[in-house]
Every structure is written in C-alpha cells, then in structure tokens.
Protein backbone atom coordinates (compact mmCIF):
# COMPACT_ATOMS: atom_id res chain seq x y z
CA MET A 1 173.86 147.99 68.32
CA SER A 2 176.59 148.35 65.70
CA TYR A 3 177.47 150.88 63.00
CA LYS A 4 179.18 150.61 59.64
CA LEU A 5 179.67 154.29 58.81
CA VAL A 6 180.23 157.60 60.62
CA LEU A 7 179.59 161.03 59.06
CA LEU A 8 182.02 163.68 60.26
CA PRO A 9 180.99 167.35 59.78
CA SER A 10 183.40 170.27 59.51
CA VAL A 11 185.45 170.24 62.69
CA LYS A 12 188.54 172.18 63.84
CA THR A 13 189.58 170.01 66.78
CA LEU A 14 188.81 166.59 68.24
CA ARG A 15 189.18 165.39 71.79
CA ARG A 16 191.80 162.69 72.15
CA THR A 17 189.16 160.31 73.55
CA THR A 18 186.93 160.91 70.50
CA LEU A 19 189.86 160.41 68.14
CA ASN A 20 190.72 157.11 69.81
CA LEU A 21 187.14 155.88 69.45
CA LEU A 22 187.04 156.81 65.78
CA ALA A 23 190.44 155.15 65.17
CA ASP A 24 189.20 151.94 66.82
CA PHE A 25 186.10 152.13 64.61
CA LEU A 26 188.31 152.37 61.49
CA ASP A 27 190.50 149.49 62.71
CA ALA A 28 187.37 147.35 63.07
CA GLY A 29 186.47 147.89 59.41
CA GLY A 30 184.23 150.95 59.70
CA THR A 31 184.18 153.88 57.29
CA ILE A 32 184.29 157.61 58.12
CA ILE A 33 183.06 160.13 55.56
CA SER A 34 183.88 163.82 56.05
CA THR A 35 181.45 166.38 54.62
CA GLY A 36 183.54 169.47 55.38
CA ASP A 37 186.88 170.68 56.72
CA LEU A 38 189.05 168.00 58.28
CA PRO A 39 190.21 168.40 61.89
CA GLU A 40 193.54 170.17 62.46
CA CYS A 41 194.06 169.78 66.20
CA ILE A 42 193.74 167.31 69.05
CA ASP A 43 192.42 168.85 72.29
CA GLY A 44 192.92 172.25 70.68
CA GLU A 45 196.63 171.75 69.91
CA LEU A 46 198.46 170.90 66.68
CA ASN A 47 199.43 167.24 66.63
CA ALA A 48 200.92 165.02 63.90
CA ASP A 49 198.55 162.19 64.86
CA ILE A 50 195.68 164.10 63.27
CA ASP A 51 197.34 163.89 59.84
CA LEU A 52 197.56 160.09 60.09
CA PHE A 53 193.89 159.98 61.07
CA ASN A 54 192.78 162.29 58.23
CA LYS A 55 194.45 160.07 55.61
CA ARG A 56 191.99 157.29 56.54
CA ILE A 57 188.89 159.46 56.01
CA VAL A 58 186.80 159.58 52.82
CA LYS A 59 186.21 163.25 51.98
CA VAL A 60 183.20 164.25 49.86
CA THR A 61 181.43 167.43 48.76
CA ASN A 62 178.49 168.12 51.03
CA THR A 63 175.62 167.95 48.52
CA PRO A 64 172.66 165.56 48.84
CA ASP A 65 173.34 163.68 45.59
CA ILE A 66 177.08 163.17 46.14
CA LEU A 67 176.62 162.28 49.80
CA GLN A 68 173.87 159.77 49.05
CA ARG A 69 175.93 158.16 46.29
CA GLU A 70 178.97 157.77 48.56
CA ILE A 71 176.94 156.38 51.46
CA SER A 72 175.28 153.85 49.13
CA LYS A 73 178.72 152.45 48.21
CA HIS A 74 179.18 151.37 51.82
CA ILE A 75 175.58 150.85 52.98
CA PRO A 76 173.13 149.94 50.22
CA SER A 77 169.81 151.67 50.87
CA HIS A 78 166.90 149.47 51.89
CA ILE A 79 164.33 152.08 50.90
CA ARG A 80 163.41 154.22 47.91
CA ILE A 81 160.95 157.13 47.87
CA ASN A 82 159.21 157.87 44.58
CA PRO A 83 157.08 161.04 44.45
CA LEU A 84 153.54 160.70 43.15
CA SER A 85 152.74 164.31 44.10
CA GLY A 86 154.84 166.80 45.99
CA SER A 87 158.60 166.49 46.46
CA SER A 88 160.43 163.52 47.95
CA ASP A 89 163.17 165.96 49.05
CA ASN A 90 160.97 166.80 52.04
CA ILE A 91 160.56 163.18 53.13
CA TRP A 92 163.25 162.28 55.66
CA VAL A 93 163.89 158.67 56.64
CA HIS A 94 165.45 157.08 59.70
CA GLU A 95 166.12 153.33 59.56
CA ARG A 96 166.85 150.95 62.41
CA ILE A 97 168.05 147.41 61.70
CA LEU A 98 166.56 145.21 64.44
CA ASP A 99 166.99 141.51 65.20
CA ASP A 100 163.60 140.60 63.72
CA GLY A 101 163.34 143.15 60.90
CA ASN A 102 163.90 146.73 59.78
CA LEU A 103 162.09 149.74 61.24
CA PHE A 104 161.61 152.90 59.16
CA TYR A 105 160.48 156.27 60.48
CA LEU A 106 159.46 158.67 57.68
CA THR A 107 158.41 162.28 58.14
CA ASN A 108 157.27 165.08 55.87
CA THR A 109 159.34 168.12 56.84
CA ASP A 110 157.09 170.41 54.79
CA GLN A 111 154.72 172.03 57.29
CA ALA A 112 152.42 173.47 54.61
CA ASN A 113 151.92 170.84 51.90
CA GLU A 114 150.82 167.25 51.60
CA ALA A 115 153.06 164.72 49.85
CA ASP A 116 151.82 161.56 48.11
CA MET A 117 154.66 159.01 47.94
CA GLU A 118 155.38 155.50 46.78
CA ILE A 119 157.55 153.82 49.42
CA MET A 120 159.61 150.86 48.21
CA ILE A 121 161.43 148.65 50.73
CA ARG A 122 163.95 146.10 49.53
CA GLY A 123 163.20 142.41 50.17
CA GLU A 124 160.31 140.02 50.70
CA GLY A 125 157.93 139.48 53.59
CA GLU A 126 155.31 141.87 54.99
CA LEU A 127 155.07 145.56 55.76
CA GLU A 128 153.32 146.73 58.92
CA ARG A 129 152.31 150.19 60.02
CA TRP A 130 152.98 150.95 63.66
CA ASP A 131 150.50 153.54 64.95
CA LEU A 132 152.40 155.24 67.77
CA GLU A 133 149.35 157.20 68.90
CA LYS A 134 147.02 154.21 69.32
CA GLY A 135 149.64 151.52 69.90
CA ALA A 136 148.15 149.51 67.02
CA VAL A 137 149.87 147.36 64.36
CA GLU A 138 148.25 146.80 60.99
CA ALA A 139 149.22 145.44 57.59
CA ILE A 140 149.22 148.31 55.10
CA PRO A 141 148.40 148.15 51.37
CA GLN A 142 151.41 146.53 49.65
CA SER A 143 152.55 144.59 46.65
CA ALA A 144 155.75 142.97 45.35
CA LYS A 145 157.59 145.02 42.73
CA GLY A 146 161.00 144.10 41.27
CA GLY A 147 162.63 142.85 44.47
CA PHE A 148 160.92 145.47 46.62
CA LEU A 149 157.71 145.73 48.63
CA SER A 150 155.75 148.76 47.43
CA THR A 151 153.21 150.80 49.38
CA ARG A 152 151.67 154.20 48.91
CA TYR A 153 151.17 156.82 51.61
CA ARG A 154 149.86 160.38 51.62
CA PHE A 155 151.74 162.44 54.20
CA ALA A 156 149.90 165.28 55.85
CA PRO A 157 151.90 168.51 56.28
CA GLY A 158 154.39 167.67 59.02
CA GLY A 159 152.99 164.13 59.07
CA SER A 160 154.91 160.93 59.74
CA LEU A 161 154.75 157.18 59.26
CA VAL A 162 156.39 154.23 61.03
CA VAL A 163 156.79 151.09 58.86
CA PHE A 164 158.19 147.75 60.02
CA HIS A 165 159.51 145.26 57.46
CA ASP A 166 159.18 141.70 58.71
CA GLY A 167 161.13 139.53 56.28
CA ALA A 168 160.18 136.31 58.10
CA LYS A 169 156.48 136.56 57.34
CA PRO A 170 155.06 135.21 54.08
CA GLN A 171 154.71 137.78 51.35
CA ARG A 172 151.19 138.86 50.44
CA ASN A 173 149.40 141.51 48.46
CA VAL A 174 147.13 143.85 50.42
CA MET A 175 144.85 145.96 48.29
CA PRO A 176 144.25 149.59 49.27
CA LYS A 177 140.88 150.44 50.71
CA THR A 178 138.92 153.13 48.94
CA GLU A 179 136.78 155.51 50.94
CA LYS A 180 134.33 158.08 49.64
CA ILE A 181 132.77 160.94 51.59
CA VAL A 182 129.02 160.52 51.09
CA ALA A 183 127.84 163.25 53.49
CA ARG A 184 129.32 166.28 55.25
CA ILE A 185 127.44 167.92 58.11
CA SER A 186 128.78 171.33 59.15
CA VAL A 187 129.14 172.38 62.77
CA ASP A 188 128.98 176.18 62.64
CA HIS A 189 128.66 177.63 66.13
CA PHE A 190 129.86 176.60 69.56
CA LYS A 191 129.09 177.37 73.16
CA VAL A 192 132.23 178.36 75.12
CA THR A 193 132.82 177.04 78.64
CA ARG A 194 136.03 178.09 80.40
CA GLU A 195 137.86 175.96 82.96
CA SER A 196 140.39 178.76 83.55
CA PRO A 197 139.92 182.50 84.14
CA ASN A 198 140.19 184.79 81.15
CA ALA A 199 143.08 187.26 81.17
CA LEU A 200 144.25 190.69 80.04
CA THR A 201 148.01 191.35 80.00
CA LEU A 202 149.04 194.90 80.97
CA ASP A 203 152.56 195.59 79.72
CA PHE A 204 152.48 199.38 79.21
CA CYS A 205 152.61 201.88 82.06
CA ARG A 206 153.72 205.30 83.26
CA TYR A 207 156.37 205.55 85.96
CA ARG A 208 157.79 208.03 88.40
CA LYS A 209 160.72 208.16 90.77
CA GLY A 210 159.73 209.23 94.25
CA ASP A 211 157.33 212.17 94.03
CA ASN A 212 158.46 213.32 90.57
CA PRO A 213 155.86 213.84 87.80
CA TRP A 214 154.53 210.80 85.96
CA SER A 215 156.26 209.88 82.71
CA ASP A 216 154.77 209.23 79.31
CA VAL A 217 153.54 205.70 78.61
CA PHE A 218 156.31 203.16 78.04
CA PRO A 219 156.48 199.38 77.79
CA VAL A 220 157.35 197.92 81.20
CA LEU A 221 160.51 196.52 79.55
CA GLY A 222 161.42 200.08 78.61
CA VAL A 223 160.96 201.35 82.17
CA GLN A 224 163.28 198.57 83.35
CA ASP A 225 165.90 199.64 80.78
CA ILE A 226 165.60 203.34 81.67
CA LEU A 227 166.07 202.86 85.41
CA SER A 228 168.81 200.27 84.94
CA ALA A 229 170.76 202.58 82.59
CA GLU A 230 170.53 205.34 85.19
CA LYS A 231 171.71 202.91 87.91
CA TYR A 232 168.77 204.24 89.87
CA SER A 233 168.24 203.32 93.51
CA GLY A 234 165.13 204.55 95.27
CA PRO A 235 161.32 204.50 95.30
CA VAL A 236 159.52 203.90 92.02
CA SER A 237 155.82 203.76 91.12
CA LEU A 238 154.09 202.27 88.06
CA TRP A 239 150.70 203.43 86.70
CA PHE A 240 148.73 200.83 84.68
CA GLU A 241 145.34 201.45 83.08
CA PHE A 242 142.62 199.26 81.62
CA ALA A 243 139.12 199.95 80.36
CA SER A 244 135.95 198.03 81.19
CA GLU A 245 132.35 198.44 80.14
CA MET A 246 131.07 196.68 83.26
CA THR A 247 131.99 195.28 86.69
CA PRO A 248 133.01 191.65 86.12
CA PRO A 249 131.44 188.96 88.37
CA GLN A 250 134.97 188.12 89.49
CA CYS A 251 138.22 189.96 88.84
CA SER A 252 141.77 189.86 90.24
CA VAL A 253 145.04 191.58 89.45
CA VAL A 254 148.04 189.23 89.27
CA ILE A 255 151.41 190.69 90.24
CA GLU A 256 154.72 188.89 90.33
CA GLU A 257 155.94 189.01 93.95
CA ALA A 258 152.87 191.05 94.95
CA LYS A 259 153.99 191.17 98.58
CA ASP A 260 156.87 193.48 97.59
CA TYR A 261 154.51 196.23 96.35
CA ILE A 262 152.09 198.75 97.74
CA VAL A 263 149.08 198.32 95.42
CA THR A 264 146.12 200.62 94.85
CA VAL A 265 143.18 200.14 92.49
CA ASN A 266 141.23 203.29 91.70
CA ASN A 267 142.92 204.94 94.75
CA LYS A 268 141.93 202.11 97.14
CA GLU A 269 144.79 200.12 98.67
CA VAL A 270 144.59 196.34 98.24
CA LYS A 271 146.77 193.54 99.56
CA TYR A 272 147.54 189.96 98.70
CA ASN A 273 145.41 187.69 100.91
CA ASN A 274 146.72 184.16 100.30
CA LEU A 275 144.72 183.38 97.17
CA PRO A 276 146.07 180.41 95.12
CA TYR A 277 148.82 181.49 92.74
CA TYR A 278 148.15 181.89 89.02
CA ARG A 279 150.36 179.92 86.58
CA ASP A 280 153.54 180.37 88.67
CA LYS A 281 154.11 180.34 92.41
CA SER A 282 155.36 183.93 92.23
CA PHE A 283 152.27 185.15 90.31
CA LEU A 284 150.03 186.24 93.18
CA PRO A 285 146.41 187.36 92.58
CA ILE A 286 144.66 190.09 94.55
CA ASP A 287 140.86 190.18 94.41
CA ILE A 288 139.74 193.56 93.01
CA THR A 289 136.18 192.66 91.95
CA HIS A 290 134.59 195.27 94.23
CA LEU A 291 136.84 198.05 92.88
CA VAL A 292 136.54 197.63 89.09
CA LYS A 293 134.13 200.11 87.53
CA PRO A 294 132.85 200.88 84.04
CA GLY A 295 135.24 203.15 82.21
CA LYS A 296 138.92 203.73 83.03
CA ASN A 297 140.53 201.78 85.87
CA ILE A 298 143.92 202.63 87.35
CA ILE A 299 146.29 200.23 89.10
CA ARG A 300 149.33 201.73 90.82
CA LEU A 301 152.28 199.77 92.18
CA SER A 302 155.02 201.22 94.39
CA ARG A 303 158.24 199.70 95.69
CA HIS A 304 161.95 200.31 96.17
CA PHE A 305 164.00 199.87 92.99
CA GLU A 306 167.63 198.78 92.92
CA ALA A 307 169.49 198.64 89.59
CA ALA A 308 171.40 195.47 88.84
CA ASP A 309 175.08 195.39 89.80
CA LYS A 310 176.69 192.87 87.45
CA ASN A 311 180.04 193.33 89.22
CA THR A 312 178.68 191.99 92.49
CA ILE A 313 177.98 188.28 92.90
CA ASP A 314 176.86 187.47 96.43
CA ASN A 315 175.40 183.99 96.82
CA ASN A 316 173.61 185.18 99.93
CA ASP A 317 172.01 188.09 98.12
CA LEU A 318 171.61 187.45 94.40
CA GLY A 319 169.23 190.39 94.30
CA LYS A 320 172.25 192.71 94.08
CA PHE A 321 173.41 190.96 90.91
CA TYR A 322 170.02 190.80 89.20
CA GLY A 323 168.54 193.98 90.66
CA THR A 324 164.83 194.77 90.86
CA GLU A 325 162.82 193.32 87.99
CA LEU A 326 159.74 195.24 86.88
CA GLU A 327 157.24 192.97 85.15
CA GLN A 328 153.97 193.15 83.27
CA ILE A 329 150.85 192.47 85.34
CA TYR A 330 147.63 190.63 84.53
CA VAL A 331 143.92 191.15 85.10
CA ILE A 332 142.13 187.80 85.32
CA GLY A 333 138.52 186.80 85.88
CA ASP A 334 135.11 186.36 84.32
CA PHE A 335 135.03 188.63 81.31
CA ALA A 336 135.77 188.83 77.60
CA VAL A 337 138.53 190.99 76.09
CA GLN A 338 137.36 193.00 73.08
CA GLY A 339 140.10 193.96 70.62
CA GLU A 340 140.45 194.95 66.98
CA LYS A 341 142.26 192.64 64.57
CA ILE A 342 144.17 194.64 61.94
CA GLY A 343 146.28 192.06 60.14
CA GLN A 344 147.99 188.68 60.02
CA ASP A 345 151.43 187.26 59.30
CA ASP A 346 153.27 183.94 59.39
CA PHE A 347 156.39 184.52 61.49
CA GLU A 348 157.03 181.32 63.53
CA CYS A 349 153.42 180.36 62.83
CA LYS A 350 150.19 182.12 61.92
CA ARG A 351 149.97 185.30 64.01
CA GLU A 352 147.07 187.73 64.23
CA ARG A 353 147.83 191.43 64.73
CA PHE A 354 145.69 193.59 67.03
CA ASN A 355 145.54 197.31 67.81
CA PRO A 356 147.00 198.12 71.26
CA SER A 357 143.61 198.93 72.78
CA PHE A 358 141.42 196.43 74.65
CA LEU A 359 138.16 196.57 76.58
CA LEU A 360 136.76 194.21 79.21
CA THR A 361 133.25 193.20 78.19
CA LYS A 362 130.64 190.65 79.13
CA GLU A 363 131.19 187.20 77.62
CA THR A 364 128.76 186.18 74.89
CA GLY A 365 129.41 182.51 75.66
CA VAL A 366 129.59 181.58 71.97
CA THR A 367 132.13 181.49 69.16
CA SER A 368 132.24 180.75 65.46
CA GLY A 369 135.76 179.33 65.87
CA ASN A 370 138.20 182.27 66.18
CA LEU A 371 138.62 182.69 69.94
CA LEU A 372 140.92 185.72 69.59
CA THR A 373 138.25 187.89 68.00
CA ASP A 374 135.57 186.44 70.29
CA GLY A 375 137.18 187.67 73.49
CA TYR A 376 140.03 185.32 74.42
CA CYS A 377 143.17 186.81 72.87
CA PHE A 378 145.25 186.67 76.11
CA PHE A 379 143.59 183.50 77.44
CA ASN A 380 145.73 180.67 78.76
CA GLY A 381 144.36 177.35 79.93
CA THR A 382 141.56 175.01 78.94
CA LEU A 383 138.13 175.74 77.53
CA THR A 384 135.46 173.64 75.87
CA LEU A 385 133.63 174.30 72.60
CA SER A 386 130.34 172.41 72.57
CA SER A 387 127.68 172.04 69.92
CA GLU A 388 125.03 169.66 68.65
CA VAL A 389 124.76 168.01 65.26
CA VAL A 390 121.94 165.95 63.81
CA ILE A 391 122.78 162.82 61.82
CA PRO A 392 119.64 162.15 59.75
CA ASP A 393 120.48 158.60 58.68
CA MET A 394 123.07 155.96 59.53
CA SER A 395 124.37 152.81 57.87
CA ARG A 396 126.48 149.94 59.20
CA ASP A 397 128.80 150.07 56.19
CA ARG A 398 129.79 153.65 56.90
CA LYS A 399 132.39 155.25 59.14
CA TYR A 400 132.00 158.63 60.77
CA TYR A 401 134.70 161.21 61.45
CA LEU A 402 134.96 164.59 63.13
CA ASP A 403 137.03 166.71 60.77
CA MET A 404 138.61 170.15 61.35
CA GLU A 405 140.02 172.37 58.64
CA ALA A 406 142.41 173.95 61.16
CA LEU A 407 143.29 173.48 64.81
CA ASP A 408 145.03 176.46 66.41
CA THR A 409 145.99 175.26 69.87
CA VAL A 410 148.44 172.90 71.54
CA ILE A 411 146.08 169.95 71.91
CA ALA A 412 142.38 169.14 71.56
CA GLU A 413 140.43 166.36 73.25
CA ILE A 414 137.26 165.21 71.50
CA LYS A 415 134.14 164.00 73.28
CA ILE A 416 131.06 162.69 71.52
CA ASN A 417 127.89 162.24 73.59
CA ASP A 418 130.03 162.60 76.75
CA CYS A 419 132.40 159.78 75.68
CA PRO A 420 136.13 160.42 75.04
CA ALA A 421 136.66 159.83 71.31
CA GLY A 422 140.29 160.82 70.73
CA THR A 423 142.96 163.49 70.93
CA LEU A 424 144.22 165.80 68.16
CA GLY A 425 147.57 167.57 68.14
CA TRP A 426 148.80 167.37 64.54
CA LYS A 427 147.53 167.08 60.98
CA PRO A 428 145.29 165.63 59.70
CA TYR A 429 142.82 167.05 62.21
CA ARG A 430 140.42 164.13 61.98
CA VAL A 431 139.26 161.55 64.50
CA GLU A 432 136.98 158.55 63.92
CA ILE A 433 133.76 158.77 65.95
CA THR A 434 131.86 155.79 64.48
CA ASP A 435 131.50 154.06 67.87
CA PHE A 436 130.14 157.16 69.60
CA VAL A 437 127.58 158.73 67.25
CA ARG A 438 123.93 157.81 66.98
CA LEU A 439 120.96 158.51 64.76
CA GLY A 440 119.53 161.96 65.41
CA LYS A 441 120.99 164.54 67.81
CA ASN A 442 124.62 164.23 68.95
CA LYS A 443 126.60 166.31 71.44
CA ILE A 444 130.08 167.36 70.30
CA GLU A 445 132.73 168.76 72.64
CA ILE A 446 136.17 170.01 71.58
CA ILE A 447 138.31 170.66 74.65
CA LEU A 448 141.15 173.06 73.78
CA THR A 449 144.27 173.64 75.84
CA ASN A 450 146.65 176.36 74.64
CA SER A 451 150.11 177.54 75.66
CA LEU A 452 151.31 180.53 77.69
CA ARG A 453 152.42 182.33 74.50
CA ASN A 454 149.50 184.79 74.23
CA LEU A 455 149.60 185.56 77.95
CA LEU A 456 153.32 186.04 78.53
CA GLY A 457 154.61 186.95 75.05
CA SER A 458 156.59 187.75 73.07
CA LEU A 459 153.68 190.01 72.02
CA HIS A 460 155.35 192.88 70.15
CA TYR A 461 157.94 191.31 67.88
CA VAL A 462 157.51 192.30 64.21
CA PRO A 463 159.77 190.39 61.73
CA LYS A 464 158.67 187.63 59.41
CA LYS A 465 160.36 184.35 58.47
CA ASP A 466 162.86 185.96 56.08
CA SER A 467 164.35 188.21 58.76
CA PRO A 468 168.14 188.12 59.16
CA GLY A 469 169.78 186.06 61.92
CA GLY A 470 169.52 186.85 65.58
CA GLN A 471 165.73 187.15 65.67
CA TRP A 472 165.30 184.85 68.67
CA SER A 473 167.36 187.03 71.00
CA LEU A 474 165.78 190.17 69.53
CA LYS A 475 162.38 188.93 70.68
CA ALA A 476 163.48 188.99 74.30
CA SER A 477 165.59 192.15 74.18
CA PRO A 478 164.41 194.91 71.79
CA SER A 479 167.58 196.92 72.52
CA LEU A 480 169.64 194.38 70.57
CA GLY A 481 167.83 195.25 67.34
CA ASP A 482 166.48 198.74 67.80
CA GLY A 483 169.19 200.28 69.96
CA ALA A 484 169.58 201.12 73.63
CA ARG A 485 166.81 203.76 73.45
CA TRP A 486 164.34 201.57 71.54
CA TYR A 487 161.50 202.66 73.83
CA THR A 488 161.63 206.34 72.72
CA ASN A 489 161.22 205.74 68.97
CA ARG A 490 158.79 202.85 68.91
CA HIS A 491 156.76 203.98 65.89
CA ASN A 492 159.85 203.71 63.66
CA ASN A 493 161.41 200.59 65.20
CA LYS A 494 162.31 197.67 63.02
CA TYR A 495 161.74 194.88 65.53
CA TRP A 496 159.33 196.31 68.10
CA SER A 497 155.72 197.37 67.56
CA ASP A 498 153.20 198.58 70.14
CA ASP A 499 150.66 196.41 68.30
CA TYR A 500 150.01 192.94 69.70
CA PHE A 501 150.81 189.74 67.81
CA PHE A 502 148.85 186.71 69.02
CA ARG A 503 149.24 183.08 68.05
CA SER A 504 145.96 181.98 66.47
CA PHE A 505 143.61 180.25 68.90
CA GLY A 506 140.53 178.24 67.96
CA VAL A 507 139.29 175.89 65.27
CA GLY A 508 138.69 176.10 61.55
CA LYS A 509 135.66 174.73 59.75
CA VAL A 510 134.35 171.71 61.67
CA SER A 511 132.33 168.92 60.02
CA VAL A 512 131.03 165.43 60.69
CA LEU A 513 131.92 163.22 57.72
CA SER A 514 130.05 160.12 56.67
CA VAL A 515 132.44 157.87 54.73
CA GLN A 516 131.68 154.71 52.75
C-alpha cells in the first residue's frame, strides 16, 4: 500500500521518529498539507530541524472547500456526489485503490434523515455493490455519463454503501428496478416470551452508621459520597424498599459481592446459596420468593465500611486504596414492573422519562410494541415478540418484506414460520421474507436483545444534546456538575434528577409488505 499525500493537523511537537518518516515521504515525492498550526518542537524541545521541515509543507485554511480544492491538485477525485434530495455534506467517502479496481465506502452521517444521491465514479467498466451483511455482490443500476459511471442510491439515516469499480469489465447500462407496495398488512399486538428474568433496579436507600437512626432517602451514590467524605470506618446498614401487588412465582435479590453482607428481607435473614451469577460474576442472586409479600417489602444490608485511602497503594490489599464500594441492588424474577411515563427527550438517543415509583405486578404477556410501558423498563437480555398475520393472496411476481417503523434495541432476529429470515440492527428496518411466507396464516417472531443500559444506568442524567462540554464524566459523577453535596439538593440540580431516563425498548409499527 502506498500514499501520495499526508494531512497534518495542528500539532505542537513531533517525535523524531515521526519527523524522519515524514521527511522520507517528502523525499520520495509525497506531499504534506497542514490544516492548522505547524509543529514547533521535536520530542518536546525547540530544534532548528523543525523549521527546515515546515518549509516543505503546504499550509491551507481548514475549511471543507479550500481543503478539497488543495487535495484535488495532488490527487484528482475519482468520485462526485450530487444531491437529489438531502445534503451531500453528510455523505462521507473512503476510497481504496486496489490492484483490480477501486473500492468506495460511503456513509450517511445524518442519523435522522434520508439522503437521495447521484454517485458518479470516474472511468469506464462496471459498478458492483458489495453487501457486507449478506456477503453478496451485485451489479447496481448504472449508466455512462460524461466520462463517469453514474448510479443513484437512497441512503437511510446512518446508512452506508460499498461500491466496487471494476475498470476491466465491459461497460453496460443497468436499468433501475421499480417496486411498488401493493398491500400492507399491519401486525398490531404481540405475545411476549422472556428468555431472561425481568428486573427492578433499586438505587435509592436509607443508611445508618452502627445503631444510629436511619437517614432520609438518598441515592446509593450519595451514601457512598457522604461516608467517603467523612472518612468513615465502621459498620453501615442500607435500607432498600420496593412495592409489589403480589408474590412473584420466582424472585431473587442480586447483590454485588453478596457474601460480604448480612442480608434480611422483611426481617428474615437470607444468604447466598451458590445460585448462578447474574450478568457479572460478582452479581450474586439470593432467592427471596418465599419472603416477598403484597405491599411494601424491605431489604436491609449490613457490612463494615472503610473509606478509600488514595494515599495508600498496597498491591496486596487494593481494598485500602479503593475502599468499600456501596452499589445499587436488583430484584429479578417473573414479574412486570409498572411505572408512569412522564416525558421524553433525545439526549444520546431517544429516552423516556419515568416517575421514580415502580410496582411489581403480574405480567400480561402481551405488548403493543413499547416494552417500557408494558412492564420491562429495567429489563436486560433477550425476549421474543410473536404474532400471527394472514396473507389472503399471493403471487409469484411479488416480494414480501417485514417492515418496522422503528426498532429500539441493539439487535433483532426475525423468524417466519419458525425459519430464520434475517437480522436487523440498523435502518432501514426491513427484511425480505418472500421465501418463508405462505398463503393464509403465518407465524412472526421478532427476537429482541437489548443492552445493559436500562439495568445499570446512567438512569438519572438530565441534559440534552446541546449541553456544554464535560457531560460524559458528569453522568458518572454528579458531584462534578452539581457540587460535592449534590445529594442534598436534588430537586434543584442541573444534571441529576430522581426521575428515571430509559433508553427506548421495543418496536414501532410493524407491517408485512407485498411489493410488485
């Protein structure tokens, strides 16, 4: 692999080894373009050699138009992007010159809007689309146009395209195929089948030191900050509560390093008894099915607390450096979690805001698509949405697709009549099911697997996309944004809210499309 041009960003110092490589590149006929401040030092020290190097660099203003014009002087572009709808500014291109042709990777960086583009690639020959998901190669619609091969492509939001230009193949025109939706059959309700236990995260508690009175309710993170600031050493107890309208068929409490605690549930002591861990080898479940009752349930944890000593690093006892870590706990089992949605925002992604009050209820076993409001707001794992759809007539000249308006999960596997039909993880949320459907009744399964986000958090972080810098660290440590005593003034905090913010989980409108 060889290069003709190197782009150098603003840089204060270069390593001598890097400078030598760049000098050799210039000696071999390469070009270096600087888009910012030129280097002043070598290995962090002033050196006259850097001035000699800088005189050989082409310096330009770092704007898209000027940069593109300067690059084109040295490397003529093989591709042009002409917008038919949307903006070509959001279409980014990466080109690789290979021995047998040129490979282009194009992506729409706009996560919200489609973009319809004419793609023109210099030269003759044939254009192929490489489908990285299916491993398929196909000739795409194309025609010769003024020394270029022209094709048209509609990018989904965040969508991408891989095109290979094979100049050795004979040139040909490939006409675009036109497809028309002739029927749309809605799939409105689904049966829910879990492969993983449902969950309720408990991250608020009271605490007490020794036999002192119980405190007000604080976030567990706040209790950790309070005791650490006091440099407390001694016994500590945590009081968690949750409400249930019934006794679940199965229920466990999951505690990180459960063996280090004395645990009681409704005043009955329970102990870890070698059940398989949940999500992490340190997340140990204790069966509490026989102790959960309708109404209020109380879980108390007691242990010795030792504040962190950041001045002591003992490789044989890192616990002194890190101190005791108090963590949220989890109730898992066979139940639904009833909560009240009170809003929505778009920080990071679509988030749904819930009141900080939840109730364990019996599962209905069905959903209309929004799994947060149907009892699975803290759920992590895999569950299946299943339904039936009737196709009243079929034709050999038609194709059939399962189409989703939205897909709020990490990945979805599609099964039609018990046969794997495809996997969805990005837009467009559509998979061809022609080979799997039949006349009459058809079974549809959408197998959703989500992330740990709604189980572990961050669950209480408020800002939206236009927040000032530093928001990522503020998510993990509220004290950075709302002050050292953030836990005492939570109703007026800027970055913390006692409300819960969940990443959307479920599917949008689902349909079977008949296309001709």
